[in-house]
Structures are given as C-alpha cells and as structure tokens.
Amino acid sequence: MNALWIAVALLTAGFVGWPVTALVFKLARTIDDKADADAGLASSGDDPSADVTVDRERAPDSGTGPGVGKAGAGKADAGDAKGGNTVNGDITVPRETAAEPTTRILRGGAIIGVLERLAVCLAILAGQPVAIAYVVAIKGLGRFAELKETPVAAERFIIGTLSSMLWAAGVAAFTKVVLLG
C-alpha cells in the first residue's frame, strides 16, 4: 500500500504541479498588470504560462544574424513561401520579417519543472531533503547565463521554481505524514 501512496504522490507532485504553477504565474501577472495600470503603463502578453519572448538585437544594416526571426528557421530555397533565402549556406531573412526579431527564453521550463517536482518529492519521501539543494543548484547553474542577461527570465525563474518546489514539498509532506504515517 505504501508503494501506491508514493506513486500517487509522485504523479500528483510532478504533473498536477504544472497547473498550480501556471495559476501562480497568472496571479503574478494579475498583480503586475494592476500595478502597471496604476502607474499608467501598458500591459504586455496575454498568457502567463506561455514561453516568454524577448527582443533580440540585429546586426546593424544587415537584417540577418543568428536566430533572427522565425521565417529563416530552416534551409530555404529562393522560392520558399516563407520568403527565406540561403546565401553560401547561411540563412537570410527578409527585412520585413527581421524588423522585430524575438527569441524564446526559459525554453523547456515545463519539462524541467516536472523533473524538479519529481526530484523534490522523491527527496522528501526518501528522507533526504538535502538533495533539494542539488536540484536548485543544478537548475540555477543551467540557467545562469540566461538569467543574468534577462531580468524578466530571472523573475519568472524564481516564481516558477518557488511555486513548483512548494507544491512538491507540500504533496510529499502530506503523503509522508498523513498517508504513510
């Protein structure tokens, strides 16, 4: 019976944690939007749980560069419907596409979040809460460069990590204390 409760706890912590984290993001967005409205600033974005995008800088006067836009996301011929071209194997993007290039930040966050919640829950159920420090360290080191460059990513990282870990720890603690006795 204990194995069943542990399996239920891991599934609940890992996979039910995503909607909980998305709800926390939505709450944070609501609070930010209210603060922006009070300050007279415009709101940005419409889905708090979606991947965040940020503007990337273009190479001056070229309209091209690594990762610019999405139209040049693969090898394209001169007659491609997306308008991409290749020059000496490099992908070029027409100016109208490259006018406002964006790139996604914190890619893979949903998968990392599930793994993080599973690890936290398992660490607590196994009586090794110190292992949570390893999870936080690995996650922080893996995202360090991105977090250093983008304050929006850092804020999102902190909110997501804390809500995710609190959910997993709560599920594990409930299971350990109430269900496993």
Protein backbone atom coordinates (compact mmCIF):
# COMPACT_ATOMS: atom_id res chain seq x y z
CA MET A 1 0.00 0.00 0.00
CA ASN A 2 2.90 2.35 0.73
CA ALA A 3 4.19 1.95 -2.83
CA LEU A 4 0.78 3.01 -4.14
CA TRP A 5 0.77 6.16 -2.00
CA ILE A 6 4.31 7.00 -3.08
CA ALA A 7 3.36 6.56 -6.76
CA VAL A 8 0.27 8.75 -6.31
CA ALA A 9 2.34 11.39 -4.52
CA LEU A 10 4.96 11.44 -7.29
CA LEU A 11 2.31 11.71 -10.01
CA THR A 12 0.47 14.43 -8.10
CA ALA A 13 3.62 16.39 -7.36
CA GLY A 14 5.03 16.04 -10.87
CA PHE A 15 2.05 16.50 -13.11
CA VAL A 16 -0.58 18.38 -11.09
CA GLY A 17 2.12 20.88 -10.18
CA TRP A 18 2.04 22.39 -13.70
CA PRO A 19 -1.50 23.84 -13.41
CA VAL A 20 -0.66 25.05 -9.91
CA THR A 21 2.48 26.81 -11.17
CA ALA A 22 0.55 28.27 -14.12
CA LEU A 23 -2.03 29.61 -11.67
CA VAL A 24 0.75 31.28 -9.65
CA PHE A 25 2.10 32.83 -12.88
CA LYS A 26 -1.39 34.10 -13.67
CA LEU A 27 -1.73 35.58 -10.19
CA ALA A 28 1.67 37.26 -10.53
CA ARG A 29 0.66 38.64 -13.94
CA THR A 30 -2.60 39.97 -12.49
CA ILE A 31 -0.71 41.74 -9.72
CA ASP A 32 1.83 43.14 -12.23
CA ASP A 33 -0.93 44.28 -14.59
CA LYS A 34 -2.73 46.04 -11.76
CA ALA A 35 0.50 47.77 -10.72
CA ASP A 36 1.16 48.74 -14.36
CA ALA A 37 -2.38 50.09 -14.73
CA ASP A 38 -1.96 52.16 -11.57
CA ALA A 39 1.33 53.50 -12.95
CA GLY A 40 -0.18 54.17 -16.38
CA LEU A 41 1.95 51.58 -18.17
CA ALA A 42 0.67 49.21 -20.86
CA SER A 43 0.24 45.50 -20.19
CA SER A 44 2.36 43.04 -22.13
CA GLY A 45 1.50 39.50 -23.17
CA ASP A 46 -1.71 37.62 -22.70
CA ASP A 47 -0.79 34.12 -21.48
CA PRO A 48 1.15 34.00 -18.22
CA SER A 49 2.03 30.34 -18.63
CA ALA A 50 3.37 30.61 -22.18
CA ASP A 51 7.05 30.80 -23.05
CA VAL A 52 8.30 34.34 -22.72
CA THR A 53 9.86 36.06 -25.71
CA VAL A 54 12.31 38.92 -25.71
CA ASP A 55 13.57 41.18 -28.48
CA ARG A 56 16.95 40.28 -29.90
CA GLU A 57 19.38 42.76 -31.33
CA ARG A 58 20.01 42.69 -35.06
CA ALA A 59 23.32 43.07 -36.77
CA PRO A 60 23.49 46.68 -38.00
CA ASP A 61 22.39 47.26 -41.60
CA SER A 62 22.28 43.55 -42.43
CA GLY A 63 18.85 42.37 -41.34
CA THR A 64 20.39 38.99 -40.63
CA GLY A 65 22.03 37.31 -37.76
CA PRO A 66 21.97 34.13 -35.78
CA GLY A 67 18.49 33.21 -34.68
CA VAL A 68 16.83 36.23 -36.21
CA GLY A 69 13.12 35.76 -36.74
CA LYS A 70 11.29 32.52 -37.32
CA ALA A 71 10.91 32.62 -41.10
CA GLY A 72 14.50 31.53 -41.60
CA ALA A 73 14.28 28.67 -39.14
CA GLY A 74 15.48 26.10 -41.67
CA LYS A 75 17.19 25.74 -45.00
CA ALA A 76 15.08 27.60 -47.53
CA ASP A 77 15.30 27.95 -51.25
CA ALA A 78 14.96 31.26 -53.05
CA GLY A 79 11.38 30.40 -53.94
CA ASP A 80 10.32 29.37 -50.43
CA ALA A 81 6.82 30.51 -49.43
CA LYS A 82 8.19 31.90 -46.17
CA GLY A 83 10.50 34.21 -48.01
CA GLY A 84 13.75 32.84 -46.62
CA ASN A 85 16.86 32.56 -48.78
CA THR A 86 20.22 30.93 -48.44
CA VAL A 87 23.50 32.57 -49.32
CA ASN A 88 26.56 30.34 -49.06
CA GLY A 89 24.60 28.06 -46.71
CA ASP A 90 23.68 30.92 -44.33
CA ILE A 91 20.01 31.67 -43.87
CA THR A 92 18.88 35.21 -44.57
CA VAL A 93 15.61 36.73 -43.50
CA PRO A 94 13.81 39.46 -45.43
CA ARG A 95 13.77 42.85 -43.69
CA GLU A 96 10.01 42.82 -43.04
CA THR A 97 10.39 39.58 -41.05
CA ALA A 98 13.51 40.69 -39.22
CA ALA A 99 12.08 44.07 -38.19
CA GLU A 100 11.16 42.78 -34.73
CA PRO A 101 13.08 39.57 -34.07
CA THR A 102 12.31 37.68 -30.88
CA THR A 103 13.69 34.65 -29.13
CA ARG A 104 12.10 32.41 -26.52
CA ILE A 105 13.57 32.39 -23.05
CA LEU A 106 13.45 29.65 -20.43
CA ARG A 107 12.83 27.00 -23.08
CA GLY A 108 11.99 23.57 -21.73
CA GLY A 109 10.69 25.02 -18.48
CA ALA A 110 7.63 22.75 -18.32
CA ILE A 111 9.69 19.57 -18.66
CA ILE A 112 12.32 20.82 -16.23
CA GLY A 113 9.53 21.73 -13.80
CA VAL A 114 8.07 18.22 -13.88
CA LEU A 115 11.50 16.70 -13.26
CA GLU A 116 12.18 19.22 -10.49
CA ARG A 117 8.91 18.43 -8.71
CA LEU A 118 9.53 14.69 -9.00
CA ALA A 119 13.04 15.10 -7.57
CA VAL A 120 11.87 17.28 -4.67
CA CYS A 121 9.01 14.93 -3.80
CA LEU A 122 11.24 11.87 -4.01
CA ALA A 123 13.93 13.53 -1.89
CA ILE A 124 11.46 14.30 0.89
CA LEU A 125 9.81 10.89 0.75
CA ALA A 126 13.25 9.24 0.89
CA GLY A 127 14.21 11.33 3.91
CA GLN A 128 16.94 13.19 2.01
CA PRO A 129 15.83 16.84 1.93
CA VAL A 130 19.45 17.90 1.34
CA ALA A 131 19.03 16.59 -2.21
CA ILE A 132 16.73 19.55 -2.87
CA ALA A 133 19.79 21.80 -2.67
CA TYR A 134 21.34 19.82 -5.53
CA VAL A 135 18.21 20.29 -7.63
CA VAL A 136 18.24 24.05 -7.02
CA ALA A 137 21.97 24.28 -7.74
CA ILE A 138 21.77 22.32 -10.98
CA LYS A 139 18.77 24.31 -12.15
CA GLY A 140 20.36 27.65 -11.28
CA LEU A 141 23.69 26.83 -12.89
CA GLY A 142 22.00 25.56 -16.03
CA ARG A 143 20.07 28.81 -16.43
CA PHE A 144 22.69 31.22 -15.10
CA ALA A 145 23.66 32.90 -18.39
CA GLU A 146 20.04 33.38 -19.43
CA LEU A 147 19.04 34.70 -16.01
CA LYS A 148 21.96 37.12 -15.94
CA GLU A 149 21.03 38.63 -19.32
CA THR A 150 17.26 38.87 -18.90
CA PRO A 151 15.62 40.25 -15.73
CA VAL A 152 12.22 39.01 -16.93
CA ALA A 153 13.63 35.49 -17.12
CA ALA A 154 15.09 35.77 -13.63
CA GLU A 155 11.76 36.85 -12.16
CA ARG A 156 9.89 34.10 -13.98
CA PHE A 157 12.52 31.55 -12.91
CA ILE A 158 12.17 32.47 -9.24
CA ILE A 159 8.37 32.47 -9.28
CA GLY A 160 8.21 29.16 -11.12
CA THR A 161 10.86 27.46 -9.02
CA LEU A 162 9.40 28.52 -5.68
CA SER A 163 5.81 27.65 -6.55
CA SER A 164 6.87 24.35 -8.08
CA MET A 165 9.03 23.36 -5.12
CA LEU A 166 6.45 24.41 -2.55
CA TRP A 167 3.82 22.29 -4.31
CA ALA A 168 6.09 19.24 -4.47
CA ALA A 169 7.22 19.65 -0.86
CA GLY A 170 3.62 20.03 0.30
CA VAL A 171 2.50 16.90 -1.54
CA ALA A 172 5.47 14.94 -0.19
CA ALA A 173 4.97 16.17 3.37
CA PHE A 174 1.24 15.37 3.28
CA THR A 175 1.97 11.90 1.92
CA LYS A 176 4.72 11.19 4.41
CA VAL A 177 2.87 12.46 7.48
CA VAL A 178 -0.77 11.59 6.75
CA LEU A 179 -0.77 8.70 4.28
CA LEU A 180 2.42 6.83 5.22
CA GLY A 181 2.17 7.62 8.95
